[in-house]
Amino acid sequence: MILDALLEMSDAQAVTVTAISTNVIDLGPVTDNVLRDIGTGEETYWVLSVGTTFTAAGAATLVAALVSDSTVNLATSATTHVTTAAIPVASLVAGYQYAVRLPAGNYEQYLGTQYTVATGPMTAGAINSFITKDAQNWRTYADRQPIDGAA
């Protein structure tokens, strides 16, 4: 899978409370067409992957949503394009991945990921969020860990 830095919304972003992605993608200046459909044509995917296992004092959950808005802070009237189910902290381990094809629809100029932490806060954990043309069934591993799991 090829990652384009311009299509990366979160790069090992620590998410302990509700927040938006560190980076927001600017789909380009809008003059005549306020909305555009980036979900048609060749398959393109939104991918979330956990790089550092999440922990929480209780039974916290994380919901991630791919949203677009007319403002870079995604706070005006964000349009939600894809939303994950509530992911329990026990599932948010290094290597966890969620990938979904971008749906057709009206995307506004700025595209980002909105993270909602419930029954939190999380005490640790980092996540990646990006757009890619070829999502694969790959798995991330913690640093300095053998692939076969042997110590």
C-alpha atoms as a PDB file:
ATOM      1  CA  MET A   1       0.000   0.000   0.000  1.00  0.00           C
ATOM      2  CA  ILE A   2       1.311   3.413  -0.929  1.00  0.00           C
ATOM      3  CA  LEU A   3       0.781   6.234   1.553  1.00  0.00           C
ATOM      4  CA  ASP A   4       0.684   9.831   0.350  1.00  0.00           C
ATOM      5  CA  ALA A   5       1.623  12.325   3.075  1.00  0.00           C
ATOM      6  CA  LEU A   6      -0.896  14.805   1.641  1.00  0.00           C
ATOM      7  CA  LEU A   7      -3.706  12.282   2.249  1.00  0.00           C
ATOM      8  CA  GLU A   8      -2.694  11.484   5.833  1.00  0.00           C
ATOM      9  CA  MET A   9      -5.001  12.937   8.475  1.00  0.00           C
ATOM     10  CA  SER A  10      -3.479  11.313  11.577  1.00  0.00           C
ATOM     11  CA  ASP A  11       0.072  10.007  11.849  1.00  0.00           C
ATOM     12  CA  ALA A  12       0.496   8.236  15.191  1.00  0.00           C
ATOM     13  CA  GLN A  13      -1.895  10.768  16.711  1.00  0.00           C
ATOM     14  CA  ALA A  14      -2.507  10.292  20.437  1.00  0.00           C
ATOM     15  CA  VAL A  15      -6.266  10.296  20.982  1.00  0.00           C
ATOM     16  CA  THR A  16      -7.238  10.368  24.648  1.00  0.00           C
ATOM     17  CA  VAL A  17     -10.328  12.595  24.423  1.00  0.00           C
ATOM     18  CA  THR A  18     -12.721  13.667  21.679  1.00  0.00           C
ATOM     19  CA  ALA A  19     -10.770  15.522  18.968  1.00  0.00           C
ATOM     20  CA  ILE A  20     -10.287  16.001  15.234  1.00  0.00           C
ATOM     21  CA  SER A  21      -7.351  14.718  13.211  1.00  0.00           C
ATOM     22  CA  THR A  22      -4.071  16.599  13.427  1.00  0.00           C
ATOM     23  CA  ASN A  23      -4.131  17.168   9.671  1.00  0.00           C
ATOM     24  CA  VAL A  24      -7.093  18.159   7.533  1.00  0.00           C
ATOM     25  CA  ILE A  25      -6.997  17.569   3.782  1.00  0.00           C
ATOM     26  CA  ASP A  26      -7.773  20.567   1.586  1.00  0.00           C
ATOM     27  CA  LEU A  27      -9.545  19.219  -1.485  1.00  0.00           C
ATOM     28  CA  GLY A  28      -8.797  22.432  -3.325  1.00  0.00           C
ATOM     29  CA  PRO A  29     -10.143  25.927  -3.669  1.00  0.00           C
ATOM     30  CA  VAL A  30     -13.771  26.061  -4.600  1.00  0.00           C
ATOM     31  CA  THR A  31     -15.078  28.612  -7.051  1.00  0.00           C
ATOM     32  CA  ASP A  32     -17.992  27.306  -9.087  1.00  0.00           C
ATOM     33  CA  ASN A  33     -18.579  23.927  -7.424  1.00  0.00           C
ATOM     34  CA  VAL A  34     -18.923  24.089  -3.655  1.00  0.00           C
ATOM     35  CA  LEU A  35     -19.253  20.303  -3.426  1.00  0.00           C
ATOM     36  CA  ARG A  36     -17.340  17.520  -5.129  1.00  0.00           C
ATOM     37  CA  ASP A  37     -17.677  13.727  -5.195  1.00  0.00           C
ATOM     38  CA  ILE A  38     -14.362  12.038  -4.414  1.00  0.00           C
ATOM     39  CA  GLY A  39     -16.015   8.662  -3.849  1.00  0.00           C
ATOM     40  CA  THR A  40     -16.732   7.901  -7.519  1.00  0.00           C
ATOM     41  CA  GLY A  41     -14.387   6.507 -10.126  1.00  0.00           C
ATOM     42  CA  GLU A  42     -11.531   4.255  -9.057  1.00  0.00           C
ATOM     43  CA  GLU A  43     -11.845   2.692  -5.634  1.00  0.00           C
ATOM     44  CA  THR A  44     -10.395   4.836  -2.869  1.00  0.00           C
ATOM     45  CA  TYR A  45     -10.325   3.856   0.801  1.00  0.00           C
ATOM     46  CA  TRP A  46     -10.367   5.508   4.204  1.00  0.00           C
ATOM     47  CA  VAL A  47      -8.120   3.552   6.554  1.00  0.00           C
ATOM     48  CA  LEU A  48      -7.694   3.680  10.326  1.00  0.00           C
ATOM     49  CA  SER A  49      -4.877   1.730  11.926  1.00  0.00           C
ATOM     50  CA  VAL A  50      -3.741   1.561  15.528  1.00  0.00           C
ATOM     51  CA  GLY A  51       0.006   1.969  15.945  1.00  0.00           C
ATOM     52  CA  THR A  52       0.146   2.078  19.750  1.00  0.00           C
ATOM     53  CA  THR A  53      -2.262   0.042  21.871  1.00  0.00           C
ATOM     54  CA  PHE A  54      -4.944   2.099  23.625  1.00  0.00           C
ATOM     55  CA  THR A  55      -5.524   1.921  27.354  1.00  0.00           C
ATOM     56  CA  ALA A  56      -8.201   3.437  29.572  1.00  0.00           C
ATOM     57  CA  ALA A  57      -9.129   3.451  33.254  1.00  0.00           C
ATOM     58  CA  GLY A  58     -12.552   2.015  32.393  1.00  0.00           C
ATOM     59  CA  ALA A  59     -14.500   0.590  29.491  1.00  0.00           C
ATOM     60  CA  ALA A  60     -13.807   3.428  27.052  1.00  0.00           C
ATOM     61  CA  THR A  61     -14.818   3.304  23.392  1.00  0.00           C
ATOM     62  CA  LEU A  62     -13.721   5.178  20.299  1.00  0.00           C
ATOM     63  CA  VAL A  63     -15.881   6.184  17.351  1.00  0.00           C
ATOM     64  CA  ALA A  64     -14.125   7.604  14.295  1.00  0.00           C
ATOM     65  CA  ALA A  65     -15.885   9.452  11.496  1.00  0.00           C
ATOM     66  CA  LEU A  66     -14.701  10.711   8.118  1.00  0.00           C
ATOM     67  CA  VAL A  67     -16.157  14.199   7.789  1.00  0.00           C
ATOM     68  CA  SER A  68     -15.922  17.144   5.424  1.00  0.00           C
ATOM     69  CA  ASP A  69     -16.708  20.782   6.072  1.00  0.00           C
ATOM     70  CA  SER A  70     -16.406  24.235   4.547  1.00  0.00           C
ATOM     71  CA  THR A  71     -13.986  25.285   7.311  1.00  0.00           C
ATOM     72  CA  VAL A  72     -10.613  23.781   8.197  1.00  0.00           C
ATOM     73  CA  ASN A  73     -11.564  23.214  11.859  1.00  0.00           C
ATOM     74  CA  LEU A  74     -14.485  20.971  10.757  1.00  0.00           C
ATOM     75  CA  ALA A  75     -16.765  22.892  13.108  1.00  0.00           C
ATOM     76  CA  THR A  76     -19.221  24.765  10.884  1.00  0.00           C
ATOM     77  CA  SER A  77     -21.648  22.104   9.677  1.00  0.00           C
ATOM     78  CA  ALA A  78     -19.588  18.984   9.079  1.00  0.00           C
ATOM     79  CA  THR A  79     -20.969  16.339   6.736  1.00  0.00           C
ATOM     80  CA  THR A  80     -20.358  12.794   7.981  1.00  0.00           C
ATOM     81  CA  HIS A  81     -19.482  10.357   5.197  1.00  0.00           C
ATOM     82  CA  VAL A  82     -18.464   7.227   7.146  1.00  0.00           C
ATOM     83  CA  THR A  83     -18.706   6.357  10.838  1.00  0.00           C
ATOM     84  CA  THR A  84     -17.285   3.342  12.642  1.00  0.00           C
ATOM     85  CA  ALA A  85     -19.228   1.518  15.292  1.00  0.00           C
ATOM     86  CA  ALA A  86     -18.105   2.127  18.870  1.00  0.00           C
ATOM     87  CA  ILE A  87     -14.768   0.300  19.111  1.00  0.00           C
ATOM     88  CA  PRO A  88     -14.029  -0.946  22.644  1.00  0.00           C
ATOM     89  CA  VAL A  89     -10.625  -0.149  24.132  1.00  0.00           C
ATOM     90  CA  ALA A  90      -9.869  -3.902  24.304  1.00  0.00           C
ATOM     91  CA  SER A  91      -9.984  -4.031  20.472  1.00  0.00           C
ATOM     92  CA  LEU A  92      -7.762  -0.985  19.957  1.00  0.00           C
ATOM     93  CA  VAL A  93      -4.489  -2.894  19.984  1.00  0.00           C
ATOM     94  CA  ALA A  94      -1.444  -2.291  17.789  1.00  0.00           C
ATOM     95  CA  GLY A  95      -2.258  -3.739  14.381  1.00  0.00           C
ATOM     96  CA  TYR A  96      -6.036  -3.170  14.530  1.00  0.00           C
ATOM     97  CA  GLN A  97      -7.211  -1.852  11.163  1.00  0.00           C
ATOM     98  CA  TYR A  98     -10.472  -0.545   9.750  1.00  0.00           C
ATOM     99  CA  ALA A  99     -10.734   0.126   6.009  1.00  0.00           C
ATOM    100  CA  VAL A 100     -13.780   1.144   4.002  1.00  0.00           C
ATOM    101  CA  ARG A 101     -14.305   2.350   0.463  1.00  0.00           C
ATOM    102  CA  LEU A 102     -15.153   6.043   0.222  1.00  0.00           C
ATOM    103  CA  PRO A 103     -18.860   6.389  -0.487  1.00  0.00           C
ATOM    104  CA  ALA A 104     -20.164   8.552  -3.308  1.00  0.00           C
ATOM    105  CA  GLY A 105     -21.565  11.822  -2.019  1.00  0.00           C
ATOM    106  CA  ASN A 106     -21.116  15.539  -1.655  1.00  0.00           C
ATOM    107  CA  TYR A 107     -17.746  16.307  -0.068  1.00  0.00           C
ATOM    108  CA  GLU A 108     -16.968  19.819   1.106  1.00  0.00           C
ATOM    109  CA  GLN A 109     -13.527  21.471   0.754  1.00  0.00           C
ATOM    110  CA  TYR A 110     -11.895  20.175   3.958  1.00  0.00           C
ATOM    111  CA  LEU A 111     -11.727  16.471   4.821  1.00  0.00           C
ATOM    112  CA  GLY A 112     -10.699  15.111   8.204  1.00  0.00           C
ATOM    113  CA  THR A 113     -11.285  12.498  10.865  1.00  0.00           C
ATOM    114  CA  GLN A 114     -13.360  13.199  13.935  1.00  0.00           C
ATOM    115  CA  TYR A 115     -12.642  11.038  16.990  1.00  0.00           C
ATOM    116  CA  THR A 116     -15.241  10.637  19.745  1.00  0.00           C
ATOM    117  CA  VAL A 117     -14.140   9.023  22.993  1.00  0.00           C
ATOM    118  CA  ALA A 118     -16.993   7.733  25.176  1.00  0.00           C
ATOM    119  CA  THR A 119     -16.782   6.513  28.772  1.00  0.00           C
ATOM    120  CA  GLY A 120     -13.242   7.831  28.679  1.00  0.00           C
ATOM    121  CA  PRO A 121     -10.786   9.264  28.751  1.00  0.00           C
ATOM    122  CA  MET A 122      -8.244   6.989  27.144  1.00  0.00           C
ATOM    123  CA  THR A 123      -4.933   6.998  28.992  1.00  0.00           C
ATOM    124  CA  ALA A 124      -2.729   6.038  26.027  1.00  0.00           C
ATOM    125  CA  GLY A 125      -2.914   5.047  22.387  1.00  0.00           C
ATOM    126  CA  ALA A 126      -2.087   6.352  18.923  1.00  0.00           C
ATOM    127  CA  ILE A 127      -3.927   6.004  15.634  1.00  0.00           C
ATOM    128  CA  ASN A 128      -3.323   6.630  11.934  1.00  0.00           C
ATOM    129  CA  SER A 129      -5.998   7.852   9.520  1.00  0.00           C
ATOM    130  CA  PHE A 130      -5.461   8.263   5.797  1.00  0.00           C
ATOM    131  CA  ILE A 131      -6.897   7.939   2.292  1.00  0.00           C
ATOM    132  CA  THR A 132      -5.323   5.417  -0.059  1.00  0.00           C
ATOM    133  CA  LYS A 133      -6.060   3.893  -3.439  1.00  0.00           C
ATOM    134  CA  ASP A 134      -5.149   0.349  -2.471  1.00  0.00           C
ATOM    135  CA  ALA A 135      -6.057  -0.676   1.065  1.00  0.00           C
ATOM    136  CA  GLN A 136      -4.441  -3.981   1.881  1.00  0.00           C
ATOM    137  CA  ASN A 137      -4.865  -6.495   4.610  1.00  0.00           C
ATOM    138  CA  TRP A 138      -1.592  -5.528   6.230  1.00  0.00           C
ATOM    139  CA  ARG A 139      -0.901  -5.450   9.924  1.00  0.00           C
ATOM    140  CA  THR A 140       1.257  -3.131  11.983  1.00  0.00           C
ATOM    141  CA  TYR A 141       3.389  -4.431  14.833  1.00  0.00           C
ATOM    142  CA  ALA A 142       4.840  -2.731  17.875  1.00  0.00           C
ATOM    143  CA  ASP A 143       8.434  -1.538  17.474  1.00  0.00           C
ATOM    144  CA  ARG A 144      11.178  -4.111  17.994  1.00  0.00           C
ATOM    145  CA  GLN A 145       8.776  -7.062  18.102  1.00  0.00           C
ATOM    146  CA  PRO A 146       9.452 -10.185  16.020  1.00  0.00           C
ATOM    147  CA  ILE A 147       6.716 -10.893  13.512  1.00  0.00           C
ATOM    148  CA  ASP A 148       6.138 -14.424  14.780  1.00  0.00           C
ATOM    149  CA  GLY A 149       5.533 -13.157  18.324  1.00  0.00           C
ATOM    150  CA  ALA A 150       8.507 -15.028  19.796  1.00  0.00           C
ATOM    151  CA  ALA A 151      10.372 -13.119  22.449  1.00  0.00           C
END
